[in-house]
Amino acid sequence: LLSNGTYAWVNRSYERFFHLHTDEIRGKHFRDILGEKAYEKSRPYFEKALRGEGSKFETTLVGKDSTRHLLVEYVPDLAPDGNVRG
């Protein structure tokens, strides 16, 4: 995720789970893909990563045809100057 909460890329597992192609996800805000409930649960961890701190949490994500139990880890993407890019 970029610092504005939009997707830069996703892997094939993510595509399959959401039944969307990368091109349908790239540039969209993660609230629009995950839904409001999952977004609100993950937002504090995402915001922590945007402050330059890594974070982990466990969650359950319900998709169109399956449910996944996940260990999510947000790792800040730092620019050479130390600013957080995403």
N, C-alpha and C. Protein backbone atom coordinates (compact mmCIF):
# COMPACT_ATOMS: atom_id res chain seq x y z
N LEU A 1 0.83 -1.19 0.00
CA LEU A 1 0.00 0.00 0.00
C LEU A 1 0.88 1.25 0.00
N LEU A 2 0.43 2.23 -0.71
CA LEU A 2 1.12 3.50 -0.71
C LEU A 2 0.66 4.31 0.50
N SER A 3 1.32 5.40 0.78
CA SER A 3 1.01 6.18 1.98
C SER A 3 -0.41 6.75 1.97
N ASN A 4 -1.04 6.86 0.81
CA ASN A 4 -2.42 7.34 0.75
C ASN A 4 -3.45 6.22 0.87
N GLY A 5 -2.96 4.98 1.13
CA GLY A 5 -3.88 3.86 1.32
C GLY A 5 -4.30 3.16 0.05
N THR A 6 -3.68 3.49 -1.08
CA THR A 6 -4.02 2.83 -2.33
C THR A 6 -3.00 1.73 -2.64
N TYR A 7 -3.45 0.76 -3.40
CA TYR A 7 -2.60 -0.37 -3.77
C TYR A 7 -1.66 -0.01 -4.90
N ALA A 8 -0.39 -0.40 -4.75
CA ALA A 8 0.59 -0.29 -5.83
C ALA A 8 0.63 -1.60 -6.60
N TRP A 9 0.48 -2.72 -5.91
CA TRP A 9 0.47 -4.05 -6.51
C TRP A 9 -0.11 -5.05 -5.51
N VAL A 10 -0.49 -6.21 -6.02
CA VAL A 10 -0.95 -7.32 -5.17
C VAL A 10 -0.44 -8.62 -5.78
N ASN A 11 -0.40 -9.68 -4.97
CA ASN A 11 0.04 -10.97 -5.49
C ASN A 11 -1.17 -11.78 -5.99
N ARG A 12 -0.88 -12.91 -6.60
CA ARG A 12 -1.95 -13.74 -7.19
C ARG A 12 -2.94 -14.27 -6.16
N SER A 13 -2.46 -14.60 -4.98
CA SER A 13 -3.38 -15.08 -3.93
C SER A 13 -4.40 -14.01 -3.59
N TYR A 14 -3.97 -12.78 -3.53
CA TYR A 14 -4.87 -11.66 -3.25
C TYR A 14 -5.90 -11.54 -4.38
N GLU A 15 -5.43 -11.64 -5.61
CA GLU A 15 -6.34 -11.58 -6.76
C GLU A 15 -7.40 -12.68 -6.68
N ARG A 16 -6.96 -13.90 -6.41
CA ARG A 16 -7.89 -15.03 -6.36
C ARG A 16 -8.89 -14.87 -5.22
N PHE A 17 -8.43 -14.43 -4.07
CA PHE A 17 -9.32 -14.30 -2.91
C PHE A 17 -10.44 -13.29 -3.19
N PHE A 18 -10.08 -12.17 -3.81
CA PHE A 18 -11.07 -11.12 -4.06
C PHE A 18 -11.72 -11.22 -5.43
N HIS A 19 -11.30 -12.21 -6.25
CA HIS A 19 -11.84 -12.38 -7.60
C HIS A 19 -11.69 -11.11 -8.43
N LEU A 20 -10.53 -10.50 -8.30
CA LEU A 20 -10.22 -9.28 -9.04
C LEU A 20 -8.82 -9.40 -9.62
N HIS A 21 -8.60 -8.82 -10.78
CA HIS A 21 -7.28 -8.78 -11.39
C HIS A 21 -6.51 -7.60 -10.79
N THR A 22 -5.19 -7.70 -10.80
CA THR A 22 -4.35 -6.63 -10.28
C THR A 22 -4.76 -5.27 -10.83
N ASP A 23 -5.07 -5.21 -12.11
CA ASP A 23 -5.46 -3.93 -12.73
C ASP A 23 -6.74 -3.36 -12.14
N GLU A 24 -7.58 -4.22 -11.57
CA GLU A 24 -8.82 -3.76 -10.95
C GLU A 24 -8.59 -3.30 -9.51
N ILE A 25 -7.44 -3.66 -8.95
CA ILE A 25 -7.12 -3.33 -7.56
C ILE A 25 -6.14 -2.15 -7.49
N ARG A 26 -5.14 -2.15 -8.37
CA ARG A 26 -4.12 -1.11 -8.36
C ARG A 26 -4.75 0.28 -8.44
N GLY A 27 -4.32 1.16 -7.53
CA GLY A 27 -4.83 2.52 -7.51
C GLY A 27 -6.08 2.71 -6.66
N LYS A 28 -6.70 1.61 -6.25
CA LYS A 28 -7.90 1.71 -5.40
C LYS A 28 -7.49 1.79 -3.93
N HIS A 29 -8.30 2.44 -3.15
CA HIS A 29 -8.05 2.53 -1.71
C HIS A 29 -8.37 1.18 -1.07
N PHE A 30 -7.57 0.79 -0.07
CA PHE A 30 -7.79 -0.54 0.50
C PHE A 30 -9.12 -0.66 1.21
N ARG A 31 -9.74 0.41 1.61
CA ARG A 31 -11.10 0.37 2.17
C ARG A 31 -12.08 -0.16 1.12
N ASP A 32 -11.88 0.26 -0.14
CA ASP A 32 -12.78 -0.15 -1.23
C ASP A 32 -12.67 -1.64 -1.55
N ILE A 33 -11.52 -2.23 -1.31
CA ILE A 33 -11.32 -3.65 -1.59
C ILE A 33 -11.69 -4.50 -0.38
N LEU A 34 -11.23 -4.11 0.80
CA LEU A 34 -11.47 -4.90 2.01
C LEU A 34 -12.87 -4.75 2.57
N GLY A 35 -13.48 -3.61 2.39
CA GLY A 35 -14.77 -3.31 3.01
C GLY A 35 -14.53 -2.53 4.30
N GLU A 36 -15.56 -1.88 4.76
CA GLU A 36 -15.45 -0.96 5.90
C GLU A 36 -15.02 -1.66 7.19
N LYS A 37 -15.59 -2.82 7.48
CA LYS A 37 -15.28 -3.51 8.73
C LYS A 37 -13.80 -3.92 8.81
N ALA A 38 -13.30 -4.55 7.76
CA ALA A 38 -11.90 -4.97 7.75
C ALA A 38 -10.97 -3.76 7.71
N TYR A 39 -11.38 -2.71 7.01
CA TYR A 39 -10.58 -1.49 6.96
C TYR A 39 -10.43 -0.89 8.36
N GLU A 40 -11.53 -0.77 9.08
CA GLU A 40 -11.47 -0.17 10.43
C GLU A 40 -10.61 -1.01 11.37
N LYS A 41 -10.62 -2.32 11.21
CA LYS A 41 -9.81 -3.18 12.06
C LYS A 41 -8.32 -3.01 11.75
N SER A 42 -7.98 -2.87 10.48
CA SER A 42 -6.57 -2.79 10.09
C SER A 42 -6.01 -1.38 10.08
N ARG A 43 -6.86 -0.38 10.10
CA ARG A 43 -6.41 1.01 10.00
C ARG A 43 -5.39 1.41 11.05
N PRO A 44 -5.57 1.09 12.34
CA PRO A 44 -4.56 1.50 13.32
C PRO A 44 -3.17 0.92 13.02
N TYR A 45 -3.12 -0.29 12.51
CA TYR A 45 -1.85 -0.93 12.19
C TYR A 45 -1.22 -0.29 10.95
N PHE A 46 -2.04 0.02 9.97
CA PHE A 46 -1.58 0.69 8.76
C PHE A 46 -1.03 2.07 9.12
N GLU A 47 -1.75 2.79 9.96
CA GLU A 47 -1.31 4.13 10.36
C GLU A 47 0.00 4.07 11.14
N LYS A 48 0.16 3.03 11.94
CA LYS A 48 1.41 2.85 12.68
C LYS A 48 2.57 2.67 11.70
N ALA A 49 2.36 1.87 10.66
CA ALA A 49 3.41 1.67 9.64
C ALA A 49 3.73 2.98 8.93
N LEU A 50 2.72 3.81 8.72
CA LEU A 50 2.96 5.11 8.07
C LEU A 50 3.75 6.07 8.96
N ARG A 51 3.80 5.76 10.24
CA ARG A 51 4.64 6.55 11.16
C ARG A 51 6.06 5.98 11.22
N GLY A 52 6.30 4.91 10.45
CA GLY A 52 7.63 4.33 10.39
C GLY A 52 7.84 3.15 11.31
N GLU A 53 6.77 2.65 11.94
CA GLU A 53 6.86 1.52 12.86
C GLU A 53 6.18 0.30 12.23
N GLY A 54 6.83 -0.85 12.29
CA GLY A 54 6.20 -2.07 11.81
C GLY A 54 5.07 -2.48 12.75
N SER A 55 4.15 -3.26 12.25
CA SER A 55 3.06 -3.75 13.10
C SER A 55 2.53 -5.06 12.56
N LYS A 56 2.00 -5.90 13.47
CA LYS A 56 1.42 -7.20 13.13
C LYS A 56 0.11 -7.37 13.86
N PHE A 57 -0.81 -8.09 13.24
CA PHE A 57 -2.05 -8.44 13.91
C PHE A 57 -2.68 -9.64 13.22
N GLU A 58 -3.52 -10.34 13.96
CA GLU A 58 -4.26 -11.47 13.40
C GLU A 58 -5.68 -11.03 13.13
N THR A 59 -6.24 -11.58 12.07
CA THR A 59 -7.61 -11.23 11.72
C THR A 59 -8.23 -12.34 10.88
N THR A 60 -9.52 -12.27 10.72
CA THR A 60 -10.26 -13.16 9.83
C THR A 60 -10.85 -12.30 8.73
N LEU A 61 -10.64 -12.71 7.50
CA LEU A 61 -11.13 -11.96 6.36
C LEU A 61 -12.11 -12.83 5.59
N VAL A 62 -13.30 -12.32 5.39
CA VAL A 62 -14.35 -13.05 4.69
C VAL A 62 -14.40 -12.57 3.25
N GLY A 63 -14.21 -13.51 2.33
CA GLY A 63 -14.28 -13.20 0.90
C GLY A 63 -15.60 -13.64 0.31
N LYS A 64 -15.69 -13.60 -1.00
CA LYS A 64 -16.93 -13.97 -1.69
C LYS A 64 -17.27 -15.44 -1.50
N ASP A 65 -16.24 -16.30 -1.48
CA ASP A 65 -16.51 -17.73 -1.38
C ASP A 65 -15.65 -18.46 -0.36
N SER A 66 -14.93 -17.70 0.47
CA SER A 66 -14.10 -18.35 1.48
C SER A 66 -13.78 -17.38 2.61
N THR A 67 -13.30 -17.95 3.68
CA THR A 67 -12.86 -17.18 4.83
C THR A 67 -11.41 -17.54 5.10
N ARG A 68 -10.59 -16.54 5.38
CA ARG A 68 -9.18 -16.78 5.66
C ARG A 68 -8.81 -16.18 7.00
N HIS A 69 -7.99 -16.93 7.71
CA HIS A 69 -7.43 -16.45 8.97
C HIS A 69 -6.02 -15.99 8.64
N LEU A 70 -5.72 -14.75 8.94
CA LEU A 70 -4.48 -14.14 8.48
C LEU A 70 -3.64 -13.59 9.61
N LEU A 71 -2.35 -13.64 9.42
CA LEU A 71 -1.41 -12.87 10.22
C LEU A 71 -0.92 -11.79 9.28
N VAL A 72 -1.31 -10.56 9.56
CA VAL A 72 -0.99 -9.43 8.68
C VAL A 72 0.19 -8.68 9.28
N GLU A 73 1.14 -8.34 8.43
CA GLU A 73 2.28 -7.55 8.88
C GLU A 73 2.46 -6.36 7.95
N TYR A 74 2.46 -5.18 8.53
CA TYR A 74 2.74 -3.96 7.77
C TYR A 74 4.18 -3.54 8.08
N VAL A 75 4.96 -3.40 7.04
CA VAL A 75 6.36 -2.99 7.16
C VAL A 75 6.50 -1.68 6.39
N PRO A 76 6.95 -0.62 7.03
CA PRO A 76 7.08 0.66 6.32
C PRO A 76 8.04 0.55 5.14
N ASP A 77 7.67 1.16 4.03
CA ASP A 77 8.54 1.27 2.87
C ASP A 77 9.19 2.65 2.96
N LEU A 78 10.48 2.64 3.28
CA LEU A 78 11.19 3.90 3.50
C LEU A 78 11.97 4.34 2.26
N ALA A 79 11.88 5.61 1.95
CA ALA A 79 12.67 6.21 0.88
C ALA A 79 14.11 6.36 1.38
N PRO A 80 15.05 6.56 0.49
CA PRO A 80 16.45 6.74 0.91
C PRO A 80 16.64 7.86 1.93
N ASP A 81 15.77 8.86 1.90
CA ASP A 81 15.89 9.97 2.86
C ASP A 81 15.24 9.66 4.19
N GLY A 82 14.64 8.45 4.33
CA GLY A 82 14.04 8.05 5.59
C GLY A 82 12.55 8.32 5.69
N ASN A 83 11.98 9.04 4.72
CA ASN A 83 10.54 9.28 4.73
C ASN A 83 9.78 8.03 4.35
N VAL A 84 8.60 7.86 4.90
CA VAL A 84 7.77 6.68 4.61
C VAL A 84 7.04 6.91 3.29
N ARG A 85 7.20 5.93 2.36
CA ARG A 85 6.50 5.98 1.08
C ARG A 85 5.19 5.22 1.11
N GLY A 86 5.16 4.24 1.99
CA GLY A 86 3.96 3.41 2.06
C GLY A 86 4.15 2.29 3.03
